[in-house]
Structure formats: C-alpha cells, structure tokens
Amino acid sequence: MAAAILLYMQPDPASVMLLLRVTARISGVLLASAFASPALRRLWPSALTEWMAGNRHRFTLLFALSHTIHLAGVVMLAILMPDRFLSKQGLAVLIPGGLAYALIYYLAWMAFARRRNPDLPDTKMQTFAIYALWAIFTLAFTRRSSGSVLIYAPLALVMWLALAARVWAKLAVKTSTQVSLANR
C-alpha cells in the first residue's frame, strides 16, 4: 500500500530517502521497546513497565509494520535508482537485508501467536532474531552517530540502554537465584 501511495505521488529520490530515514528511526524505537520491555518489568515493576511487557507483541507488530513501509520505500528507491541497487555494493546489502526481513516477519508471526496465548515462552529462534535485529539497528545508529550526533546518538543510546537493561535483568535473576539457594 505504501508503495502504491509512493507511486501515486510520483516521488523523487530525496523524498524516498526521507521516508527511509523516518521509518528506520521509528522502527528502531519500536524494536528497542519490544527488546527491553520484559527486562524493564523485572527491574522496575510498575504500571508502565507491566503495560510495556504485556504489550510487547504489539511493539513487535508495529515494528514489523513500520519496517514493511520502510521496505516499500526501498523498493521505490530501487525503481527510481536501479543502478544503485544493481551495483556490487547494492547487491551486497540485498542478501543480508532480505535475511533481516525474514527475521522481522518471523517475530511478527510469533507475536500473533503470543496474542492468542500470552504465556508462550520465547523460542531460541525468537531470542536469536531479536538480538540479531537489535545488533543491526544498534550498529547502524552507532555508526551514524558521528555524522548526525543530535539524531543518531540518542537512538544509539536507547538501543545500548535496552541491551544494558536485558543484561542487568538477567544478572539480577541469577543473583537472586544464587542468594535464595544459599539461604536454604
């Protein structure tokens, strides 16, 4: 649908690039929310963190939607600038990008399953997928931070803090387990 709208509007490459930047940033924030929400609930139980963790599947679905719009923009850019996509550099991005979209749609599929059964535990594949996508977005935002500090540095910081929350929550669980075992 986004591609149809873009075709109707007869966009120029600059407009499509703006769409790509905006959807990438929105997707990053939604991914960070889905990534960090269970850890935030464990670390700081509150109504907000409970709501975030309870709606993690919605963050995941919104992330998939936002990045599907991003994909429509990529397709539009490929139509507008085919030489850029048929170059060695362009083709080198297409395969990993396609794999990343496979992971995104896998997470969306599992988020639909979670809506029907909220008590489903995460699979190893889900854990791998969300960490892989986290790494892709974090590296992209971190790399771009030097060029656009005011835009990408806060996004990179959010992504790194999401990882810190997950690690901290994991360590807190291990520590509390060890303390309870020692007290027995």
N, C-alpha and C. Protein backbone atom coordinates (compact mmCIF):
# COMPACT_ATOMS: atom_id res chain seq x y z
N MET A 1 0.83 -1.18 0.00
CA MET A 1 0.00 0.00 0.00
C MET A 1 0.87 1.25 0.00
N ALA A 2 1.93 1.24 0.84
CA ALA A 2 2.83 2.39 0.87
C ALA A 2 3.48 2.60 -0.48
N ALA A 3 3.82 1.49 -1.16
CA ALA A 3 4.43 1.61 -2.49
C ALA A 3 3.43 2.22 -3.47
N ALA A 4 2.16 1.84 -3.36
CA ALA A 4 1.12 2.40 -4.24
C ALA A 4 0.98 3.90 -3.99
N ILE A 5 1.01 4.30 -2.73
CA ILE A 5 0.93 5.73 -2.40
C ILE A 5 2.13 6.46 -2.96
N LEU A 6 3.32 5.87 -2.79
CA LEU A 6 4.53 6.50 -3.31
C LEU A 6 4.48 6.62 -4.83
N LEU A 7 3.99 5.59 -5.50
CA LEU A 7 3.87 5.65 -6.96
C LEU A 7 2.90 6.74 -7.39
N TYR A 8 1.78 6.84 -6.67
CA TYR A 8 0.77 7.85 -6.99
C TYR A 8 1.34 9.26 -6.83
N MET A 9 2.17 9.43 -5.80
CA MET A 9 2.73 10.75 -5.51
C MET A 9 3.88 11.10 -6.45
N GLN A 10 4.36 10.17 -7.22
CA GLN A 10 5.50 10.37 -8.11
C GLN A 10 6.67 11.00 -7.35
N PRO A 11 7.21 10.23 -6.40
CA PRO A 11 8.25 10.79 -5.54
C PRO A 11 9.60 10.93 -6.23
N ASP A 12 10.41 11.75 -5.64
CA ASP A 12 11.78 11.88 -6.08
C ASP A 12 12.66 11.13 -5.08
N PRO A 13 13.90 10.82 -5.43
CA PRO A 13 14.77 10.07 -4.52
C PRO A 13 14.94 10.72 -3.15
N ALA A 14 14.97 12.04 -3.09
CA ALA A 14 15.13 12.71 -1.81
C ALA A 14 13.94 12.44 -0.88
N SER A 15 12.74 12.44 -1.42
CA SER A 15 11.54 12.16 -0.61
C SER A 15 11.55 10.72 -0.11
N VAL A 16 11.96 9.81 -0.97
CA VAL A 16 12.01 8.40 -0.57
C VAL A 16 13.09 8.20 0.49
N MET A 17 14.22 8.87 0.34
CA MET A 17 15.28 8.77 1.35
C MET A 17 14.79 9.30 2.70
N LEU A 18 14.00 10.36 2.70
CA LEU A 18 13.42 10.88 3.94
C LEU A 18 12.50 9.83 4.56
N LEU A 19 11.67 9.21 3.75
CA LEU A 19 10.79 8.14 4.24
C LEU A 19 11.62 7.02 4.87
N LEU A 20 12.71 6.65 4.22
CA LEU A 20 13.57 5.58 4.74
C LEU A 20 14.20 5.96 6.08
N ARG A 21 14.65 7.19 6.19
CA ARG A 21 15.26 7.62 7.45
C ARG A 21 14.22 7.64 8.58
N VAL A 22 13.04 8.15 8.31
CA VAL A 22 11.99 8.24 9.33
C VAL A 22 11.53 6.85 9.76
N THR A 23 11.26 5.97 8.80
CA THR A 23 10.78 4.63 9.17
C THR A 23 11.87 3.83 9.88
N ALA A 24 13.12 4.02 9.53
CA ALA A 24 14.21 3.32 10.23
C ALA A 24 14.27 3.77 11.69
N ARG A 25 14.11 5.06 11.92
CA ARG A 25 14.17 5.58 13.29
C ARG A 25 12.97 5.11 14.11
N ILE A 26 11.79 5.17 13.51
CA ILE A 26 10.59 4.70 14.22
C ILE A 26 10.73 3.20 14.52
N SER A 27 11.18 2.45 13.53
CA SER A 27 11.37 1.01 13.72
C SER A 27 12.36 0.73 14.84
N GLY A 28 13.43 1.50 14.92
CA GLY A 28 14.42 1.31 15.97
C GLY A 28 13.84 1.51 17.36
N VAL A 29 13.03 2.54 17.53
CA VAL A 29 12.41 2.79 18.84
C VAL A 29 11.43 1.67 19.19
N LEU A 30 10.65 1.21 18.23
CA LEU A 30 9.71 0.12 18.48
C LEU A 30 10.45 -1.18 18.80
N LEU A 31 11.54 -1.44 18.09
CA LEU A 31 12.35 -2.63 18.37
C LEU A 31 12.95 -2.55 19.77
N ALA A 32 13.48 -1.40 20.14
CA ALA A 32 14.05 -1.23 21.48
C ALA A 32 12.99 -1.46 22.56
N SER A 33 11.77 -1.00 22.31
CA SER A 33 10.68 -1.20 23.27
C SER A 33 10.36 -2.68 23.43
N ALA A 34 10.25 -3.39 22.32
CA ALA A 34 9.97 -4.83 22.38
C ALA A 34 11.14 -5.58 23.02
N PHE A 35 12.34 -5.16 22.71
CA PHE A 35 13.55 -5.82 23.20
C PHE A 35 13.71 -5.65 24.71
N ALA A 36 13.45 -4.45 25.22
CA ALA A 36 13.74 -4.15 26.63
C ALA A 36 12.56 -4.37 27.58
N SER A 37 11.35 -4.43 27.08
CA SER A 37 10.18 -4.42 27.98
C SER A 37 10.16 -5.54 29.02
N PRO A 38 10.48 -6.80 28.70
CA PRO A 38 10.46 -7.81 29.78
C PRO A 38 11.51 -7.51 30.86
N ALA A 39 12.66 -7.02 30.45
CA ALA A 39 13.72 -6.71 31.41
C ALA A 39 13.32 -5.52 32.28
N LEU A 40 12.71 -4.52 31.68
CA LEU A 40 12.28 -3.36 32.45
C LEU A 40 11.24 -3.75 33.50
N ARG A 41 10.35 -4.65 33.14
CA ARG A 41 9.34 -5.11 34.10
C ARG A 41 10.01 -5.82 35.28
N ARG A 42 11.02 -6.65 35.00
CA ARG A 42 11.74 -7.35 36.07
C ARG A 42 12.51 -6.39 36.97
N LEU A 43 13.13 -5.39 36.35
CA LEU A 43 13.98 -4.48 37.12
C LEU A 43 13.20 -3.42 37.89
N TRP A 44 12.18 -2.86 37.26
CA TRP A 44 11.41 -1.77 37.87
C TRP A 44 9.92 -2.05 37.71
N PRO A 45 9.37 -2.93 38.52
CA PRO A 45 7.94 -3.23 38.41
C PRO A 45 7.10 -1.97 38.65
N SER A 46 6.28 -1.65 37.68
CA SER A 46 5.37 -0.50 37.78
C SER A 46 4.26 -0.72 36.77
N ALA A 47 3.28 0.14 36.82
CA ALA A 47 2.18 0.03 35.86
C ALA A 47 2.69 0.20 34.42
N LEU A 48 3.62 1.13 34.23
CA LEU A 48 4.15 1.37 32.89
C LEU A 48 4.93 0.16 32.36
N THR A 49 5.86 -0.36 33.17
CA THR A 49 6.67 -1.48 32.68
C THR A 49 5.83 -2.75 32.55
N GLU A 50 4.82 -2.90 33.39
CA GLU A 50 3.89 -4.03 33.25
C GLU A 50 3.12 -3.92 31.94
N TRP A 51 2.68 -2.70 31.62
CA TRP A 51 1.95 -2.47 30.37
C TRP A 51 2.87 -2.72 29.18
N MET A 52 4.10 -2.22 29.26
CA MET A 52 5.04 -2.43 28.15
C MET A 52 5.29 -3.91 27.90
N ALA A 53 5.56 -4.66 28.97
CA ALA A 53 5.83 -6.09 28.82
C ALA A 53 4.58 -6.82 28.33
N GLY A 54 3.43 -6.42 28.83
CA GLY A 54 2.19 -7.06 28.40
C GLY A 54 1.84 -6.78 26.95
N ASN A 55 2.37 -5.69 26.43
CA ASN A 55 2.10 -5.30 25.04
C ASN A 55 3.32 -5.44 24.14
N ARG A 56 4.26 -6.23 24.58
CA ARG A 56 5.48 -6.43 23.79
C ARG A 56 5.15 -6.93 22.39
N HIS A 57 4.16 -7.80 22.27
CA HIS A 57 3.80 -8.31 20.94
C HIS A 57 3.28 -7.18 20.04
N ARG A 58 2.62 -6.19 20.63
CA ARG A 58 2.15 -5.05 19.83
C ARG A 58 3.33 -4.21 19.33
N PHE A 59 4.33 -4.01 20.20
CA PHE A 59 5.53 -3.30 19.77
C PHE A 59 6.19 -4.05 18.60
N THR A 60 6.22 -5.37 18.70
CA THR A 60 6.82 -6.18 17.65
C THR A 60 6.04 -6.05 16.35
N LEU A 61 4.72 -6.09 16.44
CA LEU A 61 3.89 -5.96 15.23
C LEU A 61 4.01 -4.57 14.63
N LEU A 62 4.05 -3.54 15.47
CA LEU A 62 4.24 -2.18 14.96
C LEU A 62 5.62 -2.01 14.33
N PHE A 63 6.61 -2.65 14.91
CA PHE A 63 7.95 -2.65 14.33
C PHE A 63 7.92 -3.28 12.93
N ALA A 64 7.25 -4.42 12.82
CA ALA A 64 7.15 -5.09 11.52
C ALA A 64 6.39 -4.22 10.51
N LEU A 65 5.33 -3.57 10.96
CA LEU A 65 4.57 -2.68 10.07
C LEU A 65 5.44 -1.51 9.61
N SER A 66 6.11 -0.87 10.55
CA SER A 66 6.96 0.26 10.21
C SER A 66 8.06 -0.15 9.24
N HIS A 67 8.63 -1.32 9.47
CA HIS A 67 9.71 -1.72 8.58
C HIS A 67 9.19 -2.28 7.24
N THR A 68 7.94 -2.66 7.19
CA THR A 68 7.34 -3.01 5.91
C THR A 68 7.16 -1.74 5.06
N ILE A 69 6.78 -0.65 5.70
CA ILE A 69 6.71 0.63 4.99
C ILE A 69 8.12 1.02 4.53
N HIS A 70 9.10 0.77 5.38
CA HIS A 70 10.50 1.01 5.01
C HIS A 70 10.86 0.19 3.77
N LEU A 71 10.45 -1.07 3.75
CA LEU A 71 10.72 -1.94 2.61
C LEU A 71 10.07 -1.39 1.34
N ALA A 72 8.85 -0.88 1.46
CA ALA A 72 8.19 -0.26 0.30
C ALA A 72 9.02 0.91 -0.22
N GLY A 73 9.61 1.66 0.69
CA GLY A 73 10.48 2.76 0.29
C GLY A 73 11.74 2.26 -0.41
N VAL A 74 12.28 1.16 0.09
CA VAL A 74 13.47 0.57 -0.55
C VAL A 74 13.14 0.14 -1.97
N VAL A 75 11.98 -0.49 -2.13
CA VAL A 75 11.54 -0.92 -3.47
C VAL A 75 11.38 0.30 -4.38
N MET A 76 10.76 1.35 -3.84
CA MET A 76 10.58 2.56 -4.64
C MET A 76 11.92 3.17 -5.03
N LEU A 77 12.87 3.18 -4.11
CA LEU A 77 14.19 3.71 -4.42
C LEU A 77 14.88 2.84 -5.48
N ALA A 78 14.67 1.54 -5.41
CA ALA A 78 15.24 0.65 -6.42
C ALA A 78 14.64 0.93 -7.79
N ILE A 79 13.38 1.30 -7.81
CA ILE A 79 12.73 1.64 -9.09
C ILE A 79 13.27 2.97 -9.61
N LEU A 80 13.45 3.92 -8.70
CA LEU A 80 13.93 5.25 -9.11
C LEU A 80 15.41 5.27 -9.46
N MET A 81 16.20 4.41 -8.79
CA MET A 81 17.65 4.42 -8.98
C MET A 81 18.16 2.98 -9.15
N PRO A 82 17.79 2.31 -10.22
CA PRO A 82 18.16 0.89 -10.37
C PRO A 82 19.66 0.65 -10.40
N ASP A 83 20.44 1.59 -10.93
CA ASP A 83 21.90 1.40 -10.99
C ASP A 83 22.51 1.26 -9.60
N ARG A 84 21.94 1.98 -8.65
CA ARG A 84 22.44 1.93 -7.28
C ARG A 84 22.22 0.54 -6.66
N PHE A 85 21.13 -0.10 -7.02
CA PHE A 85 20.81 -1.40 -6.44
C PHE A 85 21.44 -2.55 -7.20
N LEU A 86 21.80 -2.34 -8.45
CA LEU A 86 22.41 -3.40 -9.24
C LEU A 86 23.93 -3.37 -9.17
N SER A 87 24.48 -2.43 -8.41
CA SER A 87 25.94 -2.38 -8.23
C SER A 87 26.36 -3.47 -7.25
N LYS A 88 27.67 -3.72 -7.18
CA LYS A 88 28.19 -4.72 -6.23
C LYS A 88 27.81 -4.35 -4.80
N GLN A 89 27.94 -3.07 -4.48
CA GLN A 89 27.62 -2.61 -3.12
C GLN A 89 26.12 -2.80 -2.83
N GLY A 90 25.27 -2.49 -3.79
CA GLY A 90 23.84 -2.65 -3.60
C GLY A 90 23.44 -4.10 -3.43
N LEU A 91 24.02 -4.97 -4.25
CA LEU A 91 23.71 -6.39 -4.15
C LEU A 91 24.22 -7.00 -2.85
N ALA A 92 25.33 -6.47 -2.35
CA ALA A 92 25.88 -6.97 -1.09
C ALA A 92 24.97 -6.65 0.09
N VAL A 93 24.13 -5.65 -0.04
CA VAL A 93 23.19 -5.28 1.03
C VAL A 93 21.88 -6.06 0.89
N LEU A 94 21.52 -6.46 -0.31
CA LEU A 94 20.23 -7.11 -0.54
C LEU A 94 20.09 -8.45 0.18
N ILE A 95 21.12 -9.26 0.19
CA ILE A 95 21.02 -10.59 0.82
C ILE A 95 20.90 -10.47 2.34
N PRO A 96 21.80 -9.75 3.02
CA PRO A 96 21.61 -9.61 4.47
C PRO A 96 20.30 -8.88 4.81
N GLY A 97 19.95 -7.91 3.98
CA GLY A 97 18.68 -7.19 4.21
C GLY A 97 17.49 -8.12 4.09
N GLY A 98 17.52 -9.00 3.11
CA GLY A 98 16.45 -9.99 2.96
C GLY A 98 16.37 -10.93 4.14
N LEU A 99 17.52 -11.34 4.65
CA LEU A 99 17.54 -12.20 5.84
C LEU A 99 16.99 -11.46 7.06
N ALA A 100 17.32 -10.18 7.18
CA ALA A 100 16.79 -9.39 8.30
C ALA A 100 15.27 -9.29 8.21
N TYR A 101 14.75 -9.11 7.00
CA TYR A 101 13.28 -9.07 6.86
C TYR A 101 12.66 -10.42 7.19
N ALA A 102 13.33 -11.50 6.87
CA ALA A 102 12.82 -12.82 7.25
C ALA A 102 12.72 -12.91 8.78
N LEU A 103 13.72 -12.41 9.49
CA LEU A 103 13.68 -12.41 10.95
C LEU A 103 12.55 -11.51 11.47
N ILE A 104 12.38 -10.35 10.85
CA ILE A 104 11.31 -9.43 11.27
C ILE A 104 9.95 -10.11 11.13
N TYR A 105 9.72 -10.75 9.98
CA TYR A 105 8.42 -11.38 9.76
C TYR A 105 8.23 -12.63 10.61
N TYR A 106 9.32 -13.30 10.95
CA TYR A 106 9.22 -14.41 11.90
C TYR A 106 8.77 -13.89 13.26
N LEU A 107 9.38 -12.80 13.72
CA LEU A 107 8.99 -12.23 15.01
C LEU A 107 7.54 -11.76 14.98
N ALA A 108 7.11 -11.20 13.86
CA ALA A 108 5.71 -10.76 13.74
C ALA A 108 4.76 -11.96 13.81
N TRP A 109 5.13 -13.03 13.13
CA TRP A 109 4.32 -14.25 13.15
C TRP A 109 4.21 -14.77 14.58
N MET A 110 5.31 -14.79 15.29
CA MET A 110 5.30 -15.26 16.68
C MET A 110 4.54 -14.30 17.59
N ALA A 111 4.56 -13.01 17.27
CA ALA A 111 3.79 -12.04 18.06
C ALA A 111 2.30 -12.29 17.90
N PHE A 112 1.87 -12.68 16.69
CA PHE A 112 0.47 -13.06 16.51
C PHE A 112 0.13 -14.28 17.35
N ALA A 113 1.03 -15.24 17.40
CA ALA A 113 0.82 -16.44 18.23
C ALA A 113 0.75 -16.06 19.70
N ARG A 114 1.55 -15.12 20.13
CA ARG A 114 1.56 -14.67 21.52
C ARG A 114 0.25 -13.96 21.88
N ARG A 115 -0.36 -13.29 20.92
CA ARG A 115 -1.63 -12.63 21.19
C ARG A 115 -2.69 -13.65 21.56
N ARG A 116 -2.64 -14.82 20.91
CA ARG A 116 -3.61 -15.88 21.22
C ARG A 116 -3.27 -16.59 22.52
N ASN A 117 -1.99 -16.70 22.82
CA ASN A 117 -1.55 -17.38 24.03
C ASN A 117 -0.41 -16.58 24.66
N PRO A 118 -0.74 -15.60 25.53
CA PRO A 118 0.30 -14.71 26.09
C PRO A 118 1.35 -15.42 26.94
N ASP A 119 1.07 -16.64 27.39
CA ASP A 119 2.01 -17.35 28.25
C ASP A 119 3.05 -18.15 27.49
N LEU A 120 3.02 -18.07 26.16
CA LEU A 120 4.02 -18.79 25.37
C LEU A 120 5.41 -18.28 25.69
N PRO A 121 6.34 -19.16 26.00
CA PRO A 121 7.72 -18.69 26.22
C PRO A 121 8.37 -18.37 24.87
N ASP A 122 9.37 -17.51 24.92
CA ASP A 122 10.11 -17.20 23.69
C ASP A 122 10.90 -18.43 23.27
N THR A 123 10.94 -18.66 21.97
CA THR A 123 11.76 -19.75 21.44
C THR A 123 13.20 -19.25 21.30
N LYS A 124 14.11 -20.18 21.12
CA LYS A 124 15.51 -19.80 20.89
C LYS A 124 15.64 -18.98 19.62
N MET A 125 14.82 -19.32 18.63
CA MET A 125 14.84 -18.58 17.37
C MET A 125 14.37 -17.13 17.58
N GLN A 126 13.34 -16.94 18.41
CA GLN A 126 12.89 -15.58 18.70
C GLN A 126 14.00 -14.79 19.38
N THR A 127 14.64 -15.42 20.34
CA THR A 127 15.72 -14.74 21.06
C THR A 127 16.84 -14.39 20.09
N PHE A 128 17.23 -15.32 19.24
CA PHE A 128 18.25 -15.05 18.23
C PHE A 128 17.82 -13.89 17.33
N ALA A 129 16.57 -13.94 16.84
CA ALA A 129 16.08 -12.94 15.90
C ALA A 129 16.10 -11.55 16.52
N ILE A 130 15.62 -11.42 17.74
CA ILE A 130 15.54 -10.08 18.33
C ILE A 130 16.93 -9.54 18.64
N TYR A 131 17.85 -10.43 19.06
CA TYR A 131 19.23 -9.97 19.28
C TYR A 131 19.91 -9.60 17.97
N ALA A 132 19.68 -10.37 16.92
CA ALA A 132 20.28 -10.06 15.62
C ALA A 132 19.76 -8.73 15.10
N LEU A 133 18.46 -8.51 15.19
CA LEU A 133 17.89 -7.24 14.73
C LEU A 133 18.37 -6.09 15.61
N TRP A 134 18.45 -6.34 16.92
CA TRP A 134 18.99 -5.31 17.82
C TRP A 134 20.40 -4.93 17.35
N ALA A 135 21.23 -5.92 17.06
CA ALA A 135 22.61 -5.65 16.64
C ALA A 135 22.65 -4.84 15.35
N ILE A 136 21.82 -5.19 14.39
CA ILE A 136 21.79 -4.47 13.11
C ILE A 136 21.44 -3.00 13.32
N PHE A 137 20.36 -2.76 14.05
CA PHE A 137 19.92 -1.38 14.29
C PHE A 137 20.94 -0.62 15.14
N THR A 138 21.45 -1.26 16.17
CA THR A 138 22.39 -0.59 17.07
C THR A 138 23.67 -0.21 16.34
N LEU A 139 24.19 -1.13 15.55
CA LEU A 139 25.41 -0.81 14.79
C LEU A 139 25.16 0.30 13.78
N ALA A 140 24.01 0.27 13.12
CA ALA A 140 23.70 1.32 12.14
C ALA A 140 23.58 2.68 12.82
N PHE A 141 22.84 2.73 13.94
CA PHE A 141 22.67 4.01 14.64
C PHE A 141 24.00 4.49 15.24
N THR A 142 24.77 3.56 15.80
CA THR A 142 26.05 3.94 16.41
C THR A 142 27.01 4.46 15.35
N ARG A 143 27.07 3.77 14.21
CA ARG A 143 27.96 4.19 13.13
C ARG A 143 27.60 5.58 12.61
N ARG A 144 26.31 5.88 12.54
CA ARG A 144 25.87 7.17 12.01
C ARG A 144 25.94 8.29 13.05
N SER A 145 26.19 7.94 14.31
CA SER A 145 26.22 8.94 15.38
C SER A 145 27.27 10.02 15.16
N SER A 146 28.39 9.66 14.57
CA SER A 146 29.45 10.65 14.37
C SER A 146 29.05 11.71 13.35
N GLY A 147 28.23 11.35 12.38
CA GLY A 147 27.82 12.30 11.34
C GLY A 147 26.63 13.15 11.74
N SER A 148 25.69 12.58 12.48
CA SER A 148 24.48 13.30 12.90
C SER A 148 24.26 13.04 14.39
N VAL A 149 25.04 13.70 15.20
CA VAL A 149 25.05 13.44 16.63
C VAL A 149 23.67 13.65 17.25
N LEU A 150 23.00 14.71 16.92
CA LEU A 150 21.72 15.02 17.56
C LEU A 150 20.60 14.05 17.17
N ILE A 151 20.75 13.39 16.04
CA ILE A 151 19.71 12.46 15.60
C ILE A 151 20.06 11.03 15.99
N TYR A 152 21.24 10.58 15.63
CA TYR A 152 21.55 9.16 15.80
C TYR A 152 22.14 8.80 17.16
N ALA A 153 22.81 9.71 17.82
CA ALA A 153 23.36 9.39 19.14
C ALA A 153 22.27 9.02 20.15
N PRO A 154 21.17 9.77 20.22
CA PRO A 154 20.10 9.34 21.14
C PRO A 154 19.50 7.98 20.77
N LEU A 155 19.38 7.71 19.48
CA LEU A 155 18.85 6.41 19.06
C LEU A 155 19.82 5.29 19.42
N ALA A 156 21.11 5.53 19.20
CA ALA A 156 22.11 4.53 19.58
C ALA A 156 22.10 4.32 21.09
N LEU A 157 21.97 5.39 21.85
CA LEU A 157 21.93 5.29 23.30
C LEU A 157 20.73 4.47 23.76
N VAL A 158 19.58 4.70 23.17
CA VAL A 158 18.38 3.92 23.51
C VAL A 158 18.62 2.44 23.25
N MET A 159 19.23 2.12 22.12
CA MET A 159 19.49 0.72 21.80
C MET A 159 20.48 0.10 22.78
N TRP A 160 21.55 0.82 23.11
CA TRP A 160 22.53 0.30 24.06
C TRP A 160 21.92 0.16 25.45
N LEU A 161 21.07 1.10 25.86
CA LEU A 161 20.41 1.00 27.16
C LEU A 161 19.43 -0.17 27.20
N ALA A 162 18.81 -0.48 26.08
CA ALA A 162 17.92 -1.65 26.02
C ALA A 162 18.72 -2.93 26.28
N LEU A 163 19.90 -3.02 25.70
CA LEU A 163 20.76 -4.18 25.97
C LEU A 163 21.19 -4.20 27.43
N ALA A 164 21.58 -3.05 27.96
CA ALA A 164 22.01 -2.96 29.36
C ALA A 164 20.88 -3.44 30.28
N ALA A 165 19.65 -3.06 29.98
CA ALA A 165 18.51 -3.49 30.80
C ALA A 165 18.36 -5.01 30.75
N ARG A 166 18.50 -5.58 29.56
CA ARG A 166 18.37 -7.05 29.45
C ARG A 166 19.48 -7.77 30.21
N VAL A 167 20.70 -7.27 30.08
CA VAL A 167 21.83 -7.91 30.79
C VAL A 167 21.65 -7.75 32.30
N TRP A 168 21.29 -6.56 32.73
CA TRP A 168 21.10 -6.29 34.15
C TRP A 168 19.99 -7.18 34.72
N ALA A 169 18.90 -7.30 34.00
CA ALA A 169 17.79 -8.15 34.48
C ALA A 169 18.23 -9.61 34.55
N LYS A 170 18.99 -10.06 33.58
CA LYS A 170 19.49 -11.44 33.59
C LYS A 170 20.41 -11.67 34.79
N LEU A 171 21.29 -10.72 35.05
CA LEU A 171 22.19 -10.83 36.19
C LEU A 171 21.42 -10.77 37.51
N ALA A 172 20.39 -9.95 37.57
CA ALA A 172 19.58 -9.84 38.79
C ALA A 172 18.87 -11.15 39.09
N VAL A 173 18.39 -11.82 38.05
CA VAL A 173 17.72 -13.11 38.23
C VAL A 173 18.72 -14.14 38.73
N LYS A 174 19.91 -14.18 38.13
CA LYS A 174 20.94 -15.13 38.56
C LYS A 174 21.36 -14.87 40.00
N THR A 175 21.54 -13.60 40.36
CA THR A 175 21.95 -13.24 41.71
C THR A 175 20.88 -13.62 42.73
N SER A 176 19.62 -13.34 42.43
CA SER A 176 18.54 -13.67 43.37
C SER A 176 18.39 -15.19 43.51
N THR A 177 18.62 -15.92 42.44
CA THR A 177 18.56 -17.39 42.50
C THR A 177 19.69 -17.93 43.37
N GLN A 178 20.88 -17.39 43.20
CA GLN A 178 22.03 -17.82 43.99
C GLN A 178 21.83 -17.49 45.46
N VAL A 179 21.27 -16.32 45.76
CA VAL A 179 21.03 -15.92 47.15
C VAL A 179 19.99 -16.82 47.78
N SER A 180 18.91 -17.13 47.06
CA SER A 180 17.86 -17.97 47.62
C SER A 180 18.38 -19.41 47.83
N LEU A 181 19.24 -19.89 46.94
CA LEU A 181 19.82 -21.23 47.12
C LEU A 181 20.77 -21.25 48.31
N ALA A 182 21.51 -20.17 48.52
CA ALA A 182 22.44 -20.10 49.64
C ALA A 182 21.73 -20.00 50.98
N ASN A 183 20.53 -19.45 50.98
CA ASN A 183 19.76 -19.29 52.22
C ASN A 183 19.01 -20.55 52.61
N ARG A 184 19.00 -21.56 51.79
CA ARG A 184 18.26 -22.80 52.11
C ARG A 184 19.02 -23.69 53.03
